[in-house]
Protein backbone atom coordinates (compact mmCIF):
# COMPACT_ATOMS: atom_id res chain seq x y z
CA MET A 1 411.57 -107.48 -67.26
CA ILE A 2 407.97 -106.44 -67.72
CA ARG A 3 406.57 -103.08 -68.72
CA ILE A 4 403.86 -100.60 -67.83
CA ILE A 5 401.12 -100.89 -70.49
CA ALA A 6 399.48 -97.45 -70.51
CA GLY A 7 399.25 -94.05 -68.86
CA THR A 8 401.89 -91.72 -67.45
CA TYR A 9 404.56 -94.42 -67.19
CA LYS A 10 403.65 -96.26 -70.42
CA GLY A 11 406.53 -98.30 -71.79
CA ARG A 12 408.66 -98.08 -68.65
CA PHE A 13 410.27 -101.38 -67.71
CA LEU A 14 410.08 -102.98 -64.28
CA LYS A 15 412.43 -105.48 -62.74
CA VAL A 16 411.06 -108.85 -61.73
CA PRO A 17 412.02 -110.19 -58.29
CA ASP A 18 414.50 -113.04 -58.49
CA THR A 19 412.67 -115.34 -56.11
CA LYS A 20 410.63 -118.50 -56.32
CA VAL A 21 407.72 -116.92 -54.42
CA THR A 22 406.55 -114.48 -57.08
CA ARG A 23 405.11 -114.75 -60.56
CA PRO A 24 404.44 -111.46 -62.32
CA THR A 25 401.16 -110.93 -64.11
CA MET A 26 402.05 -111.08 -67.80
CA ASP A 27 401.66 -107.90 -69.86
CA LYS A 28 398.77 -109.27 -71.94
CA VAL A 29 396.85 -110.38 -68.84
CA ARG A 30 397.44 -107.02 -67.13
CA GLN A 31 396.29 -105.25 -70.29
CA ALA A 32 393.09 -107.31 -70.38
CA ILE A 33 392.39 -106.66 -66.69
CA PHE A 34 392.88 -102.90 -66.96
CA SER A 35 390.85 -102.75 -70.19
CA ALA A 36 387.98 -104.41 -68.33
CA MET A 37 388.37 -101.85 -65.52
CA LYS A 38 387.96 -98.97 -68.01
CA ASP A 39 388.49 -95.62 -66.21
CA LYS A 40 388.17 -97.04 -62.68
CA CYS A 41 391.76 -96.03 -61.84
CA LEU A 42 391.18 -92.29 -62.27
CA GLY A 43 391.33 -90.67 -58.84
CA SER A 44 391.14 -94.04 -57.07
CA VAL A 45 392.71 -95.46 -53.93
CA ALA A 46 394.12 -98.91 -54.67
CA LEU A 47 395.72 -101.68 -52.65
CA ASP A 48 398.03 -104.26 -54.25
CA LEU A 49 398.23 -106.65 -51.30
CA PHE A 50 400.67 -109.20 -52.77
CA THR A 51 402.55 -106.80 -54.99
CA GLY A 52 405.59 -108.74 -56.18
CA SER A 53 407.27 -106.47 -58.74
CA GLY A 54 404.60 -103.82 -58.19
CA ALA A 55 403.34 -104.10 -61.77
CA MET A 56 399.61 -104.15 -60.99
CA GLY A 57 399.70 -101.30 -58.48
CA LEU A 58 402.06 -99.26 -60.63
CA GLU A 59 399.82 -99.82 -63.65
CA ALA A 60 396.95 -98.38 -61.59
CA LEU A 61 399.14 -95.41 -60.60
CA SER A 62 400.18 -94.89 -64.22
CA ARG A 63 396.50 -94.87 -65.24
CA GLY A 64 395.55 -92.14 -62.77
CA ALA A 65 395.15 -93.65 -59.30
CA LYS A 66 395.42 -90.97 -56.61
CA LYS A 67 397.07 -93.31 -54.08
CA VAL A 68 398.41 -96.85 -54.31
CA TYR A 69 399.37 -99.05 -51.37
CA LEU A 70 401.92 -101.72 -52.31
CA ASN A 71 402.63 -104.59 -49.92
CA ASP A 72 404.72 -107.75 -50.09
CA LYS A 73 406.00 -109.76 -47.15
CA ASP A 74 409.11 -111.19 -48.87
CA HIS A 75 411.99 -108.80 -48.13
CA ARG A 76 413.93 -109.42 -51.37
CA THR A 77 410.74 -108.99 -53.39
CA PHE A 78 409.94 -105.82 -51.44
CA LEU A 79 413.36 -104.34 -52.30
CA THR A 80 412.83 -105.00 -56.03
CA MET A 81 409.33 -103.49 -55.86
CA LYS A 82 410.70 -100.45 -54.03
CA GLU A 83 413.38 -100.02 -56.70
CA ASN A 84 410.67 -100.22 -59.40
CA VAL A 85 408.55 -97.57 -57.67
CA LEU A 86 411.46 -95.20 -57.16
CA SER A 87 412.61 -95.65 -60.78
CA LEU A 88 409.32 -94.07 -61.90
CA ASN A 89 409.85 -91.07 -59.59
CA PRO A 90 406.16 -90.71 -58.67
CA ASP A 91 404.87 -88.05 -56.30
CA LYS A 92 405.71 -89.22 -52.75
CA ASP A 93 402.08 -88.79 -51.65
CA SER A 94 400.82 -91.12 -54.40
CA TYR A 95 402.13 -94.36 -52.93
CA GLU A 96 402.89 -96.16 -49.71
CA LEU A 97 405.13 -99.22 -49.42
CA ALA A 98 404.95 -102.00 -46.83
CA CYS A 99 406.80 -105.26 -46.21
CA LEU A 100 404.27 -107.11 -44.05
CA ASP A 101 402.31 -110.33 -43.95
CA TYR A 102 398.97 -109.56 -45.61
CA ARG A 103 397.05 -110.21 -42.36
CA VAL A 104 399.21 -107.72 -40.45
CA PHE A 105 398.87 -105.16 -43.25
CA LEU A 106 395.06 -105.43 -43.23
CA LYS A 107 394.82 -105.19 -39.44
CA LYS A 108 397.09 -102.12 -39.36
CA ASN A 109 395.14 -100.42 -42.16
CA LYS A 110 391.49 -101.05 -41.29
CA ASP A 111 390.79 -97.36 -41.89
CA LEU A 112 391.54 -97.58 -45.62
CA LYS A 113 388.64 -96.90 -47.98
CA LEU A 114 389.48 -98.68 -51.20
CA ASP A 115 388.21 -98.16 -54.73
CA ILE A 116 390.38 -101.00 -56.07
CA LEU A 117 391.63 -104.14 -54.33
CA LEU A 118 394.22 -106.18 -56.25
CA LEU A 119 394.73 -109.74 -55.02
CA ASP A 120 397.30 -112.10 -56.51
CA PRO A 121 398.66 -114.26 -53.66
CA PRO A 122 401.54 -116.71 -54.04
CA TYR A 123 401.08 -119.97 -55.96
CA ARG A 124 398.28 -122.29 -54.99
CA PHE A 125 396.80 -120.01 -52.32
CA THR A 126 393.00 -119.74 -52.34
CA ILE A 127 392.59 -117.01 -49.73
CA ASN A 128 391.13 -114.23 -51.86
CA GLY A 129 387.53 -114.91 -50.82
CA SER A 130 388.40 -114.65 -47.13
CA ILE A 131 390.37 -111.43 -47.73
CA ILE A 132 387.42 -109.88 -49.56
CA LYS A 133 385.08 -110.87 -46.70
CA TYR A 134 387.51 -109.39 -44.15
CA CYS A 135 387.68 -106.11 -46.08
CA GLU A 136 383.89 -106.06 -46.38
CA GLU A 137 383.35 -106.72 -42.67
CA ASN A 138 385.78 -103.93 -41.79
CA LYS A 139 384.20 -101.50 -44.27
CA MET A 140 387.45 -101.07 -46.19
CA LEU A 141 385.69 -101.26 -49.58
CA LYS A 142 383.78 -98.31 -51.02
CA ASP A 143 380.30 -99.05 -52.37
CA ASP A 144 381.55 -98.98 -55.97
CA ALA A 145 384.81 -100.84 -55.26
CA LEU A 146 386.29 -103.16 -57.85
CA ILE A 147 388.18 -106.25 -56.73
CA VAL A 148 390.58 -108.11 -59.00
CA SER A 149 391.25 -111.67 -57.83
CA GLU A 150 393.99 -113.71 -59.53
CA GLN A 151 394.70 -117.29 -58.53
CA ASP A 152 395.52 -120.73 -59.90
CA TYR A 153 392.01 -122.06 -59.24
CA PRO A 154 388.53 -120.86 -60.21
CA ASN A 155 387.31 -117.99 -58.04
CA ASP A 156 384.30 -118.50 -55.80
CA GLU A 157 381.07 -116.57 -55.96
CA ILE A 158 380.81 -114.17 -53.03
CA LYS A 159 377.43 -113.21 -51.60
CA GLY A 160 376.61 -109.57 -52.32
CA TYR A 161 379.00 -109.35 -55.30
CA THR A 162 378.71 -109.91 -59.02
CA MET A 163 381.64 -111.75 -60.53
CA LYS A 164 383.04 -111.98 -64.04
CA GLU A 165 385.80 -114.54 -64.41
CA TYR A 166 388.35 -114.85 -67.19
CA ARG A 167 390.95 -117.54 -67.76
CA TYR A 168 394.44 -116.96 -69.08
CA GLY A 169 396.27 -120.28 -69.31
CA GLU A 170 396.40 -121.60 -65.75
CA LYS A 171 395.46 -118.24 -64.22
CA HIS A 172 391.87 -117.48 -63.19
CA VAL A 173 391.08 -113.77 -62.95
CA ALA A 174 387.81 -112.55 -61.46
CA LEU A 175 386.45 -109.01 -61.27
CA TYR A 176 384.07 -108.53 -58.35
CA ARG A 177 381.71 -105.60 -57.84
CA LYS A 178 379.17 -105.05 -55.10
CA GLU A 179 375.64 -105.82 -56.21
CA SER A 180 373.27 -102.89 -56.41
CA ILE A 181 370.67 -102.89 -53.65
């Protein structure tokens, strides 16, 4: 079990999917990420594209996000995430759940305008840069959007974005923001 760190649902525990395809972001790493984000969650629209337990997206919701989209393609993982969301009893308009491959989710939701994009794909995937570029090309990211990229390898610089990267054990976490013009 992991817990929500701060906000409306502070201290609430979340179940972790019992699968080999997920690895939840540890509490201390999540706390560091959200501390770096400051008040970015307030009134935001966020997408947790590889949600797993839902901890990152639900942390954003707990800290004041207006709407959180939670997606995971693994059906068993999706059911655990759904149970976690419903256990918090959030307003039904504050979240949307999907059980889709990330590419299908993005194509079906090109009209989203995101303040926060949370990316933590399964082990060893290095697809975050291409996802960010796709979202940029389809104008899914607001001008002041914040992107959190977690992966097992160092994150790449992306043209037009500033990047701050942190390392927590084997995990590399980058915060991307559009450069000011």
